[in-house]
Amino acid sequence: MAMAEQIERALQVLSPIHIELINESHKHNVPEGSESHWNVVVVSEAFEGQRLVKRQRTVYGALKAEMAGGIHALTMKTLTPTEWSAVGGAVSNPSPECLGGSKHDT
């Protein structure tokens, strides 16, 4: 199963009303076709009353197996349905630029 499917399936524990998955592996020094660097947007009532760190821990908990076996980097935006509605159902979640890690760096 593709990593995107694994991530989406694992996040179902949060009963999300919206999930966006962007594979950003191509921006990094990984083999072509890799699925190791992800940017996710998750909208869920499960985040109600939670601070950002708790939301992130909740997502990492849901993705424990994927983090241990395939995901190298994860950027996330976590929103409640109210927050999602307030931004018009769209968010910008840019990942930072890759700062290296090339096997050719000395």
N, C-alpha and C. Protein backbone atom coordinates (compact mmCIF):
# COMPACT_ATOMS: atom_id res chain seq x y z
N MET A 1 0.84 -1.17 0.00
CA MET A 1 0.00 0.00 0.00
C MET A 1 0.89 1.25 0.00
N ALA A 2 0.51 2.22 -0.80
CA ALA A 2 1.27 3.47 -0.88
C ALA A 2 1.22 4.19 0.47
N MET A 3 2.28 4.94 0.75
CA MET A 3 2.36 5.65 2.03
C MET A 3 1.19 6.62 2.20
N ALA A 4 0.76 7.29 1.14
CA ALA A 4 -0.37 8.22 1.25
C ALA A 4 -1.61 7.49 1.76
N GLU A 5 -1.84 6.30 1.26
CA GLU A 5 -2.99 5.50 1.72
C GLU A 5 -2.83 5.11 3.18
N GLN A 6 -1.61 4.75 3.57
CA GLN A 6 -1.34 4.37 4.96
C GLN A 6 -1.59 5.56 5.89
N ILE A 7 -1.11 6.74 5.49
CA ILE A 7 -1.29 7.94 6.30
C ILE A 7 -2.78 8.25 6.44
N GLU A 8 -3.48 8.27 5.32
CA GLU A 8 -4.90 8.59 5.36
C GLU A 8 -5.67 7.59 6.21
N ARG A 9 -5.36 6.32 6.08
CA ARG A 9 -6.02 5.29 6.87
C ARG A 9 -5.74 5.47 8.36
N ALA A 10 -4.47 5.74 8.70
CA ALA A 10 -4.10 5.90 10.11
C ALA A 10 -4.77 7.13 10.73
N LEU A 11 -4.95 8.18 9.96
CA LEU A 11 -5.55 9.40 10.49
C LEU A 11 -7.06 9.29 10.66
N GLN A 12 -7.67 8.24 10.17
CA GLN A 12 -9.11 8.05 10.33
C GLN A 12 -9.51 7.92 11.79
N VAL A 13 -8.57 7.55 12.65
CA VAL A 13 -8.84 7.46 14.08
C VAL A 13 -9.28 8.82 14.64
N LEU A 14 -8.93 9.90 13.94
CA LEU A 14 -9.29 11.25 14.37
C LEU A 14 -10.63 11.71 13.79
N SER A 15 -11.29 10.85 13.02
CA SER A 15 -12.56 11.20 12.36
C SER A 15 -12.47 12.56 11.67
N PRO A 16 -11.47 12.71 10.78
CA PRO A 16 -11.27 14.01 10.14
C PRO A 16 -12.41 14.37 9.19
N ILE A 17 -12.67 15.68 9.09
CA ILE A 17 -13.63 16.13 8.09
C ILE A 17 -12.89 16.55 6.82
N HIS A 18 -11.56 16.70 6.94
CA HIS A 18 -10.74 17.06 5.79
C HIS A 18 -9.30 16.61 6.03
N ILE A 19 -8.69 16.04 5.00
CA ILE A 19 -7.27 15.68 5.03
C ILE A 19 -6.66 16.09 3.69
N GLU A 20 -5.51 16.72 3.74
CA GLU A 20 -4.71 16.99 2.55
C GLU A 20 -3.35 16.33 2.77
N LEU A 21 -2.87 15.60 1.79
CA LEU A 21 -1.57 14.95 1.88
C LEU A 21 -0.74 15.39 0.68
N ILE A 22 0.43 15.95 0.95
CA ILE A 22 1.32 16.37 -0.12
C ILE A 22 2.67 15.69 0.09
N ASN A 23 3.06 14.90 -0.90
CA ASN A 23 4.35 14.22 -0.86
C ASN A 23 5.41 15.24 -1.31
N GLU A 24 6.28 15.63 -0.41
CA GLU A 24 7.32 16.61 -0.71
C GLU A 24 8.70 15.97 -0.83
N SER A 25 8.74 14.68 -1.00
CA SER A 25 10.01 13.95 -1.06
C SER A 25 10.89 14.43 -2.21
N HIS A 26 10.27 14.82 -3.31
CA HIS A 26 11.03 15.26 -4.48
C HIS A 26 11.88 16.50 -4.20
N LYS A 27 11.60 17.21 -3.12
CA LYS A 27 12.36 18.40 -2.74
C LYS A 27 13.63 18.06 -1.97
N HIS A 28 13.85 16.79 -1.72
CA HIS A 28 14.94 16.36 -0.86
C HIS A 28 15.84 15.36 -1.57
N ASN A 29 16.97 15.07 -0.97
CA ASN A 29 17.95 14.17 -1.54
C ASN A 29 17.55 12.72 -1.23
N VAL A 30 16.52 12.26 -1.92
CA VAL A 30 16.04 10.89 -1.77
C VAL A 30 15.83 10.31 -3.17
N PRO A 31 15.79 9.00 -3.29
CA PRO A 31 15.57 8.40 -4.61
C PRO A 31 14.24 8.84 -5.22
N GLU A 32 14.21 8.92 -6.53
CA GLU A 32 12.98 9.27 -7.24
C GLU A 32 11.87 8.30 -6.85
N GLY A 33 10.68 8.84 -6.65
CA GLY A 33 9.54 8.01 -6.28
C GLY A 33 9.41 7.78 -4.78
N SER A 34 10.29 8.40 -3.98
CA SER A 34 10.23 8.21 -2.53
C SER A 34 8.96 8.80 -1.94
N GLU A 35 8.56 8.28 -0.82
CA GLU A 35 7.40 8.77 -0.07
C GLU A 35 7.80 8.96 1.39
N SER A 36 8.83 9.76 1.60
CA SER A 36 9.40 9.89 2.94
C SER A 36 9.18 11.25 3.59
N HIS A 37 8.84 12.27 2.83
CA HIS A 37 8.67 13.63 3.34
C HIS A 37 7.25 14.09 3.02
N TRP A 38 6.47 14.38 4.08
CA TRP A 38 5.05 14.68 3.89
C TRP A 38 4.64 15.99 4.54
N ASN A 39 3.67 16.63 3.91
CA ASN A 39 3.02 17.82 4.42
C ASN A 39 1.54 17.47 4.52
N VAL A 40 0.99 17.54 5.72
CA VAL A 40 -0.42 17.17 5.90
C VAL A 40 -1.21 18.29 6.55
N VAL A 41 -2.46 18.37 6.14
CA VAL A 41 -3.44 19.25 6.76
C VAL A 41 -4.54 18.34 7.26
N VAL A 42 -4.85 18.43 8.55
CA VAL A 42 -5.89 17.60 9.15
C VAL A 42 -6.88 18.50 9.87
N VAL A 43 -8.17 18.33 9.54
CA VAL A 43 -9.23 19.08 10.20
C VAL A 43 -10.09 18.07 10.95
N SER A 44 -10.19 18.24 12.27
CA SER A 44 -10.91 17.28 13.09
C SER A 44 -11.47 17.91 14.35
N GLU A 45 -12.63 17.45 14.75
CA GLU A 45 -13.19 17.86 16.03
C GLU A 45 -12.35 17.36 17.19
N ALA A 46 -11.54 16.34 16.95
CA ALA A 46 -10.67 15.80 17.99
C ALA A 46 -9.69 16.84 18.51
N PHE A 47 -9.46 17.91 17.75
CA PHE A 47 -8.52 18.95 18.17
C PHE A 47 -9.17 20.03 19.02
N GLU A 48 -10.48 19.98 19.19
CA GLU A 48 -11.17 20.99 20.00
C GLU A 48 -10.57 21.05 21.40
N GLY A 49 -10.23 22.26 21.84
CA GLY A 49 -9.70 22.45 23.19
C GLY A 49 -8.25 22.06 23.36
N GLN A 50 -7.59 21.62 22.29
CA GLN A 50 -6.18 21.21 22.39
C GLN A 50 -5.27 22.33 21.90
N ARG A 51 -4.17 22.50 22.59
CA ARG A 51 -3.13 23.42 22.13
C ARG A 51 -2.37 22.75 20.99
N LEU A 52 -1.58 23.54 20.27
CA LEU A 52 -0.86 23.06 19.10
C LEU A 52 -0.01 21.82 19.38
N VAL A 53 0.75 21.84 20.46
CA VAL A 53 1.63 20.71 20.77
C VAL A 53 0.83 19.44 20.99
N LYS A 54 -0.29 19.53 21.68
CA LYS A 54 -1.14 18.37 21.92
C LYS A 54 -1.71 17.84 20.59
N ARG A 55 -2.11 18.75 19.71
CA ARG A 55 -2.61 18.34 18.40
C ARG A 55 -1.54 17.58 17.62
N GLN A 56 -0.33 18.12 17.64
CA GLN A 56 0.76 17.46 16.93
C GLN A 56 1.07 16.10 17.53
N ARG A 57 1.06 16.01 18.84
CA ARG A 57 1.28 14.71 19.48
C ARG A 57 0.18 13.72 19.12
N THR A 58 -1.04 14.21 18.99
CA THR A 58 -2.16 13.36 18.59
C THR A 58 -1.93 12.80 17.20
N VAL A 59 -1.49 13.65 16.28
CA VAL A 59 -1.22 13.20 14.90
C VAL A 59 -0.04 12.22 14.89
N TYR A 60 1.04 12.56 15.61
CA TYR A 60 2.18 11.64 15.67
C TYR A 60 1.77 10.30 16.27
N GLY A 61 0.90 10.32 17.25
CA GLY A 61 0.42 9.07 17.84
C GLY A 61 -0.35 8.24 16.83
N ALA A 62 -1.19 8.89 16.04
CA ALA A 62 -1.95 8.18 15.02
C ALA A 62 -1.03 7.61 13.93
N LEU A 63 0.09 8.28 13.70
CA LEU A 63 1.03 7.86 12.64
C LEU A 63 2.26 7.14 13.18
N LYS A 64 2.16 6.59 14.38
CA LYS A 64 3.31 5.95 15.03
C LYS A 64 3.99 4.90 14.14
N ALA A 65 3.21 4.02 13.57
CA ALA A 65 3.77 2.96 12.73
C ALA A 65 4.42 3.53 11.47
N GLU A 66 3.77 4.51 10.87
CA GLU A 66 4.30 5.11 9.64
C GLU A 66 5.58 5.90 9.92
N MET A 67 5.63 6.56 11.08
CA MET A 67 6.84 7.30 11.45
C MET A 67 8.00 6.34 11.71
N ALA A 68 7.71 5.16 12.20
CA ALA A 68 8.75 4.17 12.47
C ALA A 68 9.18 3.43 11.22
N GLY A 69 8.36 3.48 10.18
CA GLY A 69 8.68 2.67 9.01
C GLY A 69 8.44 3.34 7.69
N GLY A 70 8.96 4.54 7.50
CA GLY A 70 8.85 5.12 6.17
C GLY A 70 8.83 6.63 6.13
N ILE A 71 8.16 7.27 7.06
CA ILE A 71 8.12 8.73 7.05
C ILE A 71 9.38 9.25 7.73
N HIS A 72 10.11 10.08 7.01
CA HIS A 72 11.32 10.69 7.57
C HIS A 72 11.02 12.08 8.12
N ALA A 73 10.13 12.82 7.43
CA ALA A 73 9.82 14.18 7.86
C ALA A 73 8.33 14.44 7.66
N LEU A 74 7.76 15.16 8.61
CA LEU A 74 6.33 15.46 8.57
C LEU A 74 6.09 16.91 8.98
N THR A 75 5.48 17.67 8.08
CA THR A 75 5.03 19.02 8.37
C THR A 75 3.52 18.94 8.47
N MET A 76 2.93 19.58 9.47
CA MET A 76 1.48 19.45 9.61
C MET A 76 0.82 20.75 10.00
N LYS A 77 -0.43 20.86 9.62
CA LYS A 77 -1.32 21.93 10.02
C LYS A 77 -2.54 21.22 10.58
N THR A 78 -2.89 21.52 11.82
CA THR A 78 -4.01 20.86 12.48
C THR A 78 -5.05 21.92 12.85
N LEU A 79 -6.28 21.70 12.42
CA LEU A 79 -7.35 22.68 12.63
C LEU A 79 -8.61 22.01 13.13
N THR A 80 -9.37 22.76 13.90
CA THR A 80 -10.72 22.33 14.26
C THR A 80 -11.65 22.72 13.11
N PRO A 81 -12.85 22.15 13.04
CA PRO A 81 -13.79 22.57 12.00
C PRO A 81 -14.09 24.07 12.03
N THR A 82 -14.17 24.65 13.22
CA THR A 82 -14.42 26.09 13.34
C THR A 82 -13.26 26.89 12.75
N GLU A 83 -12.04 26.49 13.05
CA GLU A 83 -10.86 27.16 12.49
C GLU A 83 -10.81 27.00 10.98
N TRP A 84 -11.14 25.82 10.50
CA TRP A 84 -11.17 25.51 9.07
C TRP A 84 -12.18 26.42 8.36
N SER A 85 -13.33 26.55 8.95
CA SER A 85 -14.37 27.40 8.39
C SER A 85 -13.93 28.86 8.38
N ALA A 86 -13.25 29.29 9.44
CA ALA A 86 -12.81 30.68 9.57
C ALA A 86 -11.80 31.07 8.50
N VAL A 87 -11.04 30.10 7.99
CA VAL A 87 -10.06 30.39 6.94
C VAL A 87 -10.62 30.06 5.55
N GLY A 88 -11.91 29.82 5.49
CA GLY A 88 -12.55 29.59 4.20
C GLY A 88 -12.28 28.23 3.59
N GLY A 89 -11.89 27.27 4.41
CA GLY A 89 -11.66 25.92 3.91
C GLY A 89 -10.39 25.77 3.08
N ALA A 90 -9.44 26.63 3.32
CA ALA A 90 -8.16 26.54 2.61
C ALA A 90 -7.07 27.12 3.49
N VAL A 91 -5.94 26.46 3.52
CA VAL A 91 -4.80 26.97 4.28
C VAL A 91 -3.54 26.83 3.46
N SER A 92 -2.61 27.67 3.76
CA SER A 92 -1.28 27.56 3.19
C SER A 92 -0.42 26.91 4.26
N ASN A 93 0.24 25.84 3.90
CA ASN A 93 1.08 25.15 4.87
C ASN A 93 2.45 24.89 4.24
N PRO A 94 3.18 25.95 3.92
CA PRO A 94 4.45 25.75 3.24
C PRO A 94 5.48 25.08 4.15
N SER A 95 6.20 24.16 3.58
CA SER A 95 7.28 23.51 4.32
C SER A 95 8.55 24.33 4.15
N PRO A 96 9.43 24.27 5.14
CA PRO A 96 10.70 24.97 4.98
C PRO A 96 11.52 24.33 3.85
N GLU A 97 12.36 25.12 3.25
CA GLU A 97 13.23 24.59 2.20
C GLU A 97 14.22 23.60 2.80
N CYS A 98 14.57 22.61 2.03
CA CYS A 98 15.58 21.63 2.44
C CYS A 98 16.92 22.36 2.56
N LEU A 99 17.61 22.14 3.67
CA LEU A 99 18.88 22.83 3.91
C LEU A 99 20.11 21.97 3.62
N GLY A 100 19.90 20.92 2.90
CA GLY A 100 21.07 20.11 2.54
C GLY A 100 20.84 18.65 2.82
N GLY A 101 21.84 18.04 3.40
CA GLY A 101 21.76 16.62 3.64
C GLY A 101 22.15 15.82 2.42
N SER A 102 22.72 16.49 1.43
CA SER A 102 23.11 15.80 0.22
C SER A 102 24.27 14.87 0.48
N LYS A 103 24.24 13.72 -0.13
CA LYS A 103 25.35 12.77 0.03
C LYS A 103 26.62 13.30 -0.61
N HIS A 104 26.47 14.39 -1.40
CA HIS A 104 27.63 14.97 -2.05
C HIS A 104 28.25 16.12 -1.25
N ASP A 105 27.58 16.51 -0.12
CA ASP A 105 28.14 17.58 0.72
C ASP A 105 29.38 17.06 1.43
N THR A 106 30.32 17.94 1.65
CA THR A 106 31.54 17.53 2.37
C THR A 106 31.63 18.24 3.69
